[in-house]
PDB file of N, CA and C in Angstrom:
ATOM      1  N   UNK A   1      33.045  15.653   6.630  1.00  0.00           N
ATOM      2  CA  UNK A   1      31.754  15.564   7.220  1.00  0.00           C
ATOM      3  C   UNK A   1      30.973  14.507   6.338  1.00  0.00           C
ATOM      4  N   UNK A   2      30.383  13.617   6.988  1.00  0.00           N
ATOM      5  CA  UNK A   2      29.690  12.563   6.440  1.00  0.00           C
ATOM      6  C   UNK A   2      28.208  13.019   6.045  1.00  0.00           C
ATOM      7  N   UNK A   3      27.672  12.797   5.032  1.00  0.00           N
ATOM      8  CA  UNK A   3      26.317  13.185   4.472  1.00  0.00           C
ATOM      9  C   UNK A   3      25.233  12.326   5.214  1.00  0.00           C
ATOM     10  N   UNK A   4      24.194  12.918   5.618  1.00  0.00           N
ATOM     11  CA  UNK A   4      23.052  12.261   6.161  1.00  0.00           C
ATOM     12  C   UNK A   4      22.286  11.556   5.131  1.00  0.00           C
ATOM     13  N   UNK A   5      21.839  10.486   5.367  1.00  0.00           N
ATOM     14  CA  UNK A   5      20.929   9.650   4.524  1.00  0.00           C
ATOM     15  C   UNK A   5      19.548   9.653   4.935  1.00  0.00           C
ATOM     16  N   UNK A   6      18.610   9.776   4.127  1.00  0.00           N
ATOM     17  CA  UNK A   6      17.171   9.774   4.584  1.00  0.00           C
ATOM     18  C   UNK A   6      16.358   8.955   3.711  1.00  0.00           C
ATOM     19  N   UNK A   7      15.299   8.331   4.245  1.00  0.00           N
ATOM     20  CA  UNK A   7      14.502   7.382   3.442  1.00  0.00           C
ATOM     21  C   UNK A   7      13.114   7.621   3.561  1.00  0.00           C
ATOM     22  N   UNK A   8      12.229   7.105   2.653  1.00  0.00           N
ATOM     23  CA  UNK A   8      10.830   7.582   2.566  1.00  0.00           C
ATOM     24  C   UNK A   8      10.051   6.731   3.549  1.00  0.00           C
ATOM     25  N   UNK A   9       8.822   6.988   3.600  1.00  0.00           N
ATOM     26  CA  UNK A   9       7.901   6.178   4.528  1.00  0.00           C
ATOM     27  C   UNK A   9       7.789   4.816   3.964  1.00  0.00           C
ATOM     28  N   UNK A  10       7.743   4.604   2.601  1.00  0.00           N
ATOM     29  CA  UNK A  10       7.754   3.295   1.984  1.00  0.00           C
ATOM     30  C   UNK A  10       9.052   2.531   2.494  1.00  0.00           C
ATOM     31  N   UNK A  11      10.120   3.063   2.403  1.00  0.00           N
ATOM     32  CA  UNK A  11      11.456   2.432   2.790  1.00  0.00           C
ATOM     33  C   UNK A  11      11.502   2.175   4.100  1.00  0.00           C
ATOM     34  N   UNK A  12      10.947   3.087   4.988  1.00  0.00           N
ATOM     35  CA  UNK A  12      10.968   2.877   6.538  1.00  0.00           C
ATOM     36  C   UNK A  12      10.006   1.608   6.830  1.00  0.00           C
ATOM     37  N   UNK A  13       8.821   1.673   6.200  1.00  0.00           N
ATOM     38  CA  UNK A  13       7.923   0.437   6.320  1.00  0.00           C
ATOM     39  C   UNK A  13       8.594  -0.854   5.893  1.00  0.00           C
ATOM     40  N   UNK A  14       9.202  -0.782   4.893  1.00  0.00           N
ATOM     41  CA  UNK A  14       9.833  -2.057   4.479  1.00  0.00           C
ATOM     42  C   UNK A  14      10.859  -2.559   5.266  1.00  0.00           C
ATOM     43  N   UNK A  15      11.663  -1.588   5.856  1.00  0.00           N
ATOM     44  CA  UNK A  15      12.474  -1.713   6.863  1.00  0.00           C
ATOM     45  C   UNK A  15      12.215  -2.626   8.061  1.00  0.00           C
ATOM     46  N   UNK A  16      10.890  -2.292   8.456  1.00  0.00           N
ATOM     47  CA  UNK A  16      10.359  -3.028   9.644  1.00  0.00           C
ATOM     48  C   UNK A  16       9.235  -4.059   9.323  1.00  0.00           C
ATOM     49  N   UNK A  17       8.882  -4.199   7.975  1.00  0.00           N
ATOM     50  CA  UNK A  17       8.000  -5.309   7.675  1.00  0.00           C
ATOM     51  C   UNK A  17       6.443  -4.824   8.044  1.00  0.00           C
ATOM     52  N   UNK A  18       6.241  -3.550   7.886  1.00  0.00           N
ATOM     53  CA  UNK A  18       4.989  -3.126   8.197  1.00  0.00           C
ATOM     54  C   UNK A  18       4.501  -2.098   7.081  1.00  0.00           C
ATOM     55  N   UNK A  19       3.057  -1.579   7.393  1.00  0.00           N
ATOM     56  CA  UNK A  19       2.649  -0.795   6.254  1.00  0.00           C
ATOM     57  C   UNK A  19       3.126   0.696   6.568  1.00  0.00           C
ATOM     58  N   UNK A  20       2.865   1.574   5.541  1.00  0.00           N
ATOM     59  CA  UNK A  20       3.128   2.934   5.662  1.00  0.00           C
ATOM     60  C   UNK A  20       2.397   3.567   6.795  1.00  0.00           C
ATOM     61  N   UNK A  21       0.976   3.070   6.848  1.00  0.00           N
ATOM     62  CA  UNK A  21       0.238   3.583   7.908  1.00  0.00           C
ATOM     63  C   UNK A  21       0.697   3.263   9.338  1.00  0.00           C
ATOM     64  N   UNK A  22       1.402   2.089   9.531  1.00  0.00           N
ATOM     65  CA  UNK A  22       2.020   1.859  10.818  1.00  0.00           C
ATOM     66  C   UNK A  22       3.225   2.695  11.136  1.00  0.00           C
ATOM     67  N   UNK A  23       3.936   3.018  10.205  1.00  0.00           N
ATOM     68  CA  UNK A  23       5.031   3.969  10.297  1.00  0.00           C
ATOM     69  C   UNK A  23       4.672   5.222  10.789  1.00  0.00           C
ATOM     70  N   UNK A  24       3.681   5.798  10.188  1.00  0.00           N
ATOM     71  CA  UNK A  24       2.983   7.094  10.547  1.00  0.00           C
ATOM     72  C   UNK A  24       2.399   6.924  12.031  1.00  0.00           C
ATOM     73  N   UNK A  25       1.812   5.986  12.323  1.00  0.00           N
ATOM     74  CA  UNK A  25       1.065   5.785  13.533  1.00  0.00           C
ATOM     75  C   UNK A  25       2.165   5.680  14.595  1.00  0.00           C
ATOM     76  N   UNK A  26       3.287   4.881  14.429  1.00  0.00           N
ATOM     77  CA  UNK A  26       4.485   4.848  15.319  1.00  0.00           C
ATOM     78  C   UNK A  26       4.986   6.273  15.572  1.00  0.00           C
ATOM     79  N   UNK A  27       5.200   7.134  14.466  1.00  0.00           N
ATOM     80  CA  UNK A  27       5.662   8.383  14.560  1.00  0.00           C
ATOM     81  C   UNK A  27       4.775   9.318  15.351  1.00  0.00           C
ATOM     82  N   UNK A  28       3.572   9.030  15.250  1.00  0.00           N
ATOM     83  CA  UNK A  28       2.551   9.845  16.003  1.00  0.00           C
ATOM     84  C   UNK A  28       2.380   9.536  17.506  1.00  0.00           C
ATOM     85  N   UNK A  29       2.386   8.166  17.771  1.00  0.00           N
ATOM     86  CA  UNK A  29       1.955   7.742  18.979  1.00  0.00           C
ATOM     87  C   UNK A  29       3.107   7.160  19.881  1.00  0.00           C
ATOM     88  N   UNK A  30       4.240   6.907  19.274  1.00  0.00           N
ATOM     89  CA  UNK A  30       5.372   6.339  20.267  1.00  0.00           C
ATOM     90  C   UNK A  30       6.605   7.519  20.131  1.00  0.00           C
ATOM     91  N   UNK A  31       6.583   7.919  21.446  1.00  0.00           N
ATOM     92  CA  UNK A  31       7.676   8.891  21.445  1.00  0.00           C
ATOM     93  C   UNK A  31       8.984   8.579  21.390  1.00  0.00           C
ATOM     94  N   UNK A  32       9.216   7.216  21.515  1.00  0.00           N
ATOM     95  CA  UNK A  32      10.728   6.711  21.232  1.00  0.00           C
ATOM     96  C   UNK A  32      11.021   6.681  19.578  1.00  0.00           C
ATOM     97  N   UNK A  33       9.946   6.514  18.866  1.00  0.00           N
ATOM     98  CA  UNK A  33      10.065   6.251  17.230  1.00  0.00           C
ATOM     99  C   UNK A  33      10.598   7.602  16.831  1.00  0.00           C
ATOM    100  N   UNK A  34      11.529   7.581  15.977  1.00  0.00           N
ATOM    101  CA  UNK A  34      12.138   8.787  15.255  1.00  0.00           C
ATOM    102  C   UNK A  34      11.168   9.605  14.546  1.00  0.00           C
ATOM    103  N   UNK A  35      11.035  10.908  14.620  1.00  0.00           N
ATOM    104  CA  UNK A  35      10.002  11.727  13.902  1.00  0.00           C
ATOM    105  C   UNK A  35      10.371  11.947  12.563  1.00  0.00           C
ATOM    106  N   UNK A  36       9.538  12.250  11.650  1.00  0.00           N
ATOM    107  CA  UNK A  36       9.931  12.413  10.267  1.00  0.00           C
ATOM    108  C   UNK A  36      10.475  13.867  10.083  1.00  0.00           C
ATOM    109  N   UNK A  37      11.240  14.091   9.012  1.00  0.00           N
ATOM    110  CA  UNK A  37      11.845  15.186   8.616  1.00  0.00           C
ATOM    111  C   UNK A  37      11.106  15.756   7.603  1.00  0.00           C
ATOM    112  N   UNK A  38      10.491  17.044   7.743  1.00  0.00           N
ATOM    113  CA  UNK A  38       9.721  17.609   6.533  1.00  0.00           C
ATOM    114  C   UNK A  38      10.752  18.613   5.759  1.00  0.00           C
ATOM    115  N   UNK A  39      10.923  18.047   4.481  1.00  0.00           N
ATOM    116  CA  UNK A  39      11.820  18.955   3.720  1.00  0.00           C
ATOM    117  C   UNK A  39      10.974  19.868   2.919  1.00  0.00           C
ATOM    118  N   UNK A  40       9.899  19.576   2.492  1.00  0.00           N
ATOM    119  CA  UNK A  40       8.951  20.469   1.796  1.00  0.00           C
ATOM    120  C   UNK A  40       7.630  19.809   1.756  1.00  0.00           C
ATOM    121  N   UNK A  41       6.634  20.547   1.162  1.00  0.00           N
ATOM    122  CA  UNK A  41       5.176  19.869   1.001  1.00  0.00           C
ATOM    123  C   UNK A  41       5.418  18.611   0.306  1.00  0.00           C
ATOM    124  N   UNK A  42       5.014  17.540   0.741  1.00  0.00           N
ATOM    125  CA  UNK A  42       5.255  16.245   0.047  1.00  0.00           C
ATOM    126  C   UNK A  42       6.442  15.547  -0.023  1.00  0.00           C
ATOM    127  N   UNK A  43       7.494  16.103   0.727  1.00  0.00           N
ATOM    128  CA  UNK A  43       8.809  15.499   0.780  1.00  0.00           C
ATOM    129  C   UNK A  43       9.140  15.418   2.246  1.00  0.00           C
ATOM    130  N   UNK A  44       8.684  14.219   2.855  1.00  0.00           N
ATOM    131  CA  UNK A  44       9.051  13.884   4.279  1.00  0.00           C
ATOM    132  C   UNK A  44       9.861  12.503   4.190  1.00  0.00           C
ATOM    133  N   UNK A  45      10.814  12.519   5.157  1.00  0.00           N
ATOM    134  CA  UNK A  45      11.820  11.522   5.072  1.00  0.00           C
ATOM    135  C   UNK A  45      12.085  11.064   6.567  1.00  0.00           C
ATOM    136  N   UNK A  46      12.686  10.064   6.833  1.00  0.00           N
ATOM    137  CA  UNK A  46      13.239   9.533   7.987  1.00  0.00           C
ATOM    138  C   UNK A  46      14.781   9.409   7.993  1.00  0.00           C
ATOM    139  N   UNK A  47      15.435   9.899   8.972  1.00  0.00           N
ATOM    140  CA  UNK A  47      16.976   9.728   9.050  1.00  0.00           C
ATOM    141  C   UNK A  47      17.361   8.383   9.393  1.00  0.00           C
ATOM    142  N   UNK A  48      18.271   7.741   8.514  1.00  0.00           N
ATOM    143  CA  UNK A  48      18.811   6.418   8.829  1.00  0.00           C
ATOM    144  C   UNK A  48      19.440   6.407  10.181  1.00  0.00           C
ATOM    145  N   UNK A  49      20.171   7.394  10.378  1.00  0.00           N
ATOM    146  CA  UNK A  49      20.873   7.370  11.585  1.00  0.00           C
ATOM    147  C   UNK A  49      20.096   7.383  12.857  1.00  0.00           C
ATOM    148  N   UNK A  50      18.894   8.016  12.775  1.00  0.00           N
ATOM    149  CA  UNK A  50      17.902   8.150  13.902  1.00  0.00           C
ATOM    150  C   UNK A  50      17.261   6.694  14.054  1.00  0.00           C
ATOM    151  N   UNK A  51      16.971   6.079  12.848  1.00  0.00           N
ATOM    152  CA  UNK A  51      16.362   4.783  12.953  1.00  0.00           C
ATOM    153  C   UNK A  51      17.333   3.719  13.383  1.00  0.00           C
ATOM    154  N   UNK A  52      18.625   3.776  13.121  1.00  0.00           N
ATOM    155  CA  UNK A  52      19.508   2.888  13.549  1.00  0.00           C
ATOM    156  C   UNK A  52      19.752   3.004  15.126  1.00  0.00           C
ATOM    157  N   UNK A  53      19.735   4.390  15.597  1.00  0.00           N
ATOM    158  CA  UNK A  53      19.790   4.567  17.109  1.00  0.00           C
ATOM    159  C   UNK A  53      18.671   3.856  17.888  1.00  0.00           C
ATOM    160  N   UNK A  54      17.508   4.143  17.145  1.00  0.00           N
ATOM    161  CA  UNK A  54      16.343   3.621  17.761  1.00  0.00           C
ATOM    162  C   UNK A  54      16.182   2.079  17.865  1.00  0.00           C
ATOM    163  N   UNK A  55      16.675   1.524  16.873  1.00  0.00           N
ATOM    164  CA  UNK A  55      16.922   0.034  16.813  1.00  0.00           C
ATOM    165  C   UNK A  55      17.781  -0.518  17.902  1.00  0.00           C
ATOM    166  N   UNK A  56      18.929   0.202  18.089  1.00  0.00           N
ATOM    167  CA  UNK A  56      19.828  -0.173  19.062  1.00  0.00           C
ATOM    168  C   UNK A  56      19.471  -0.010  20.516  1.00  0.00           C
ATOM    169  N   UNK A  57      18.566   0.905  20.602  1.00  0.00           N
ATOM    170  CA  UNK A  57      17.986   1.327  22.004  1.00  0.00           C
ATOM    171  C   UNK A  57      16.937   0.148  22.307  1.00  0.00           C
ATOM    172  N   UNK A  58      16.130  -0.226  21.260  1.00  0.00           N
ATOM    173  CA  UNK A  58      15.160  -1.112  21.426  1.00  0.00           C
ATOM    174  C   UNK A  58      15.824  -2.639  21.634  1.00  0.00           C
ATOM    175  N   UNK A  59      16.832  -2.921  20.944  1.00  0.00           N
ATOM    176  CA  UNK A  59      17.695  -4.085  21.191  1.00  0.00           C
ATOM    177  C   UNK A  59      18.328  -4.233  22.658  1.00  0.00           C
ATOM    178  N   UNK A  60      18.795  -3.062  23.129  1.00  0.00           N
ATOM    179  CA  UNK A  60      19.270  -3.023  24.448  1.00  0.00           C
ATOM    180  C   UNK A  60      18.295  -3.288  25.487  1.00  0.00           C
ATOM    181  N   UNK A  61      16.989  -2.683  25.264  1.00  0.00           N
ATOM    182  CA  UNK A  61      15.925  -2.743  26.329  1.00  0.00           C
ATOM    183  C   UNK A  61      15.391  -4.185  26.231  1.00  0.00           C
ATOM    184  N   UNK A  62      15.416  -4.792  25.181  1.00  0.00           N
ATOM    185  CA  UNK A  62      14.846  -6.146  25.079  1.00  0.00           C
ATOM    186  C   UNK A  62      15.816  -7.252  25.844  1.00  0.00           C
ATOM    187  N   UNK A  63      17.081  -6.916  25.965  1.00  0.00           N
ATOM    188  CA  UNK A  63      17.973  -7.711  26.594  1.00  0.00           C
ATOM    189  C   UNK A  63      17.998  -7.639  28.024  1.00  0.00           C
ATOM    190  N   UNK A  64      17.444  -6.567  28.671  1.00  0.00           N
ATOM    191  CA  UNK A  64      17.488  -6.378  29.924  1.00  0.00           C
ATOM    192  C   UNK A  64      16.525  -7.378  30.705  1.00  0.00           C
TER     193      UNK A  64
END
Protein backbone atom coordinates (compact mmCIF):
# COMPACT_ATOMS: atom_id res chain seq x y z
CA UNK A 1 0.00 0.00 0.00
CA UNK A 2 1.41 3.38 -1.00
CA UNK A 3 1.65 6.02 1.67
CA UNK A 4 -0.21 9.27 1.23
CA UNK A 5 1.80 12.49 0.92
CA UNK A 6 0.54 15.72 2.43
CA UNK A 7 1.79 19.29 2.02
CA UNK A 8 1.42 22.48 4.05
CA UNK A 9 -0.50 25.59 3.04
CA UNK A 10 2.85 27.22 2.18
CA UNK A 11 3.76 24.35 -0.13
CA UNK A 12 0.32 24.38 -1.71
CA UNK A 13 0.55 28.13 -2.28
CA UNK A 14 3.99 27.72 -3.83
CA UNK A 15 2.66 24.97 -6.11
CA UNK A 16 0.13 27.41 -7.60
CA UNK A 17 2.15 30.61 -7.33
CA UNK A 18 -0.31 32.27 -4.96
CA UNK A 19 -0.39 33.39 -1.34
CA UNK A 20 -1.38 31.23 1.62
CA UNK A 21 -4.49 33.36 1.99
CA UNK A 22 -5.54 32.52 -1.55
CA UNK A 23 -5.19 28.79 -0.86
CA UNK A 24 -7.43 29.13 2.20
CA UNK A 25 -9.94 31.24 0.25
CA UNK A 26 -10.06 28.62 -2.51
CA UNK A 27 -10.63 25.90 0.09
CA UNK A 28 -13.49 27.90 1.58
CA UNK A 29 -15.15 29.29 -1.56
CA UNK A 30 -14.37 26.84 -4.37
CA UNK A 31 -16.21 23.52 -3.96
CA UNK A 32 -13.93 21.96 -6.59
CA UNK A 33 -10.70 22.73 -4.69
CA UNK A 34 -9.50 20.01 -2.29
CA UNK A 35 -10.33 20.57 1.34
CA UNK A 36 -7.56 20.63 3.92
CA UNK A 37 -7.01 17.66 6.21
CA UNK A 38 -6.85 18.53 9.92
CA UNK A 39 -4.47 16.21 11.75
CA UNK A 40 -4.40 18.17 15.00
CA UNK A 41 -4.58 21.75 16.24
CA UNK A 42 -2.13 23.69 14.11
CA UNK A 43 -1.38 20.75 11.80
CA UNK A 44 -3.34 21.16 8.58
CA UNK A 45 -2.27 19.69 5.26
CA UNK A 46 -3.45 19.12 1.69
CA UNK A 47 -3.29 15.72 0.03
CA UNK A 48 -0.98 15.67 -2.99
CA UNK A 49 -3.16 13.07 -4.72
CA UNK A 50 -6.26 15.27 -4.29
CA UNK A 51 -4.37 18.31 -5.60
CA UNK A 52 -3.23 16.31 -8.63
CA UNK A 53 -6.77 15.08 -9.30
CA UNK A 54 -8.01 18.68 -9.07
CA UNK A 55 -5.32 19.80 -11.55
CA UNK A 56 -6.24 17.03 -13.97
CA UNK A 57 -9.92 17.95 -13.79
CA UNK A 58 -9.09 21.62 -14.40
CA UNK A 59 -6.89 20.72 -17.38
CA UNK A 60 -9.65 18.58 -18.93
CA UNK A 61 -12.30 21.27 -18.47
CA UNK A 62 -10.05 23.92 -20.05
CA UNK A 63 -9.63 21.77 -23.17
CA UNK A 64 -13.38 21.54 -23.78
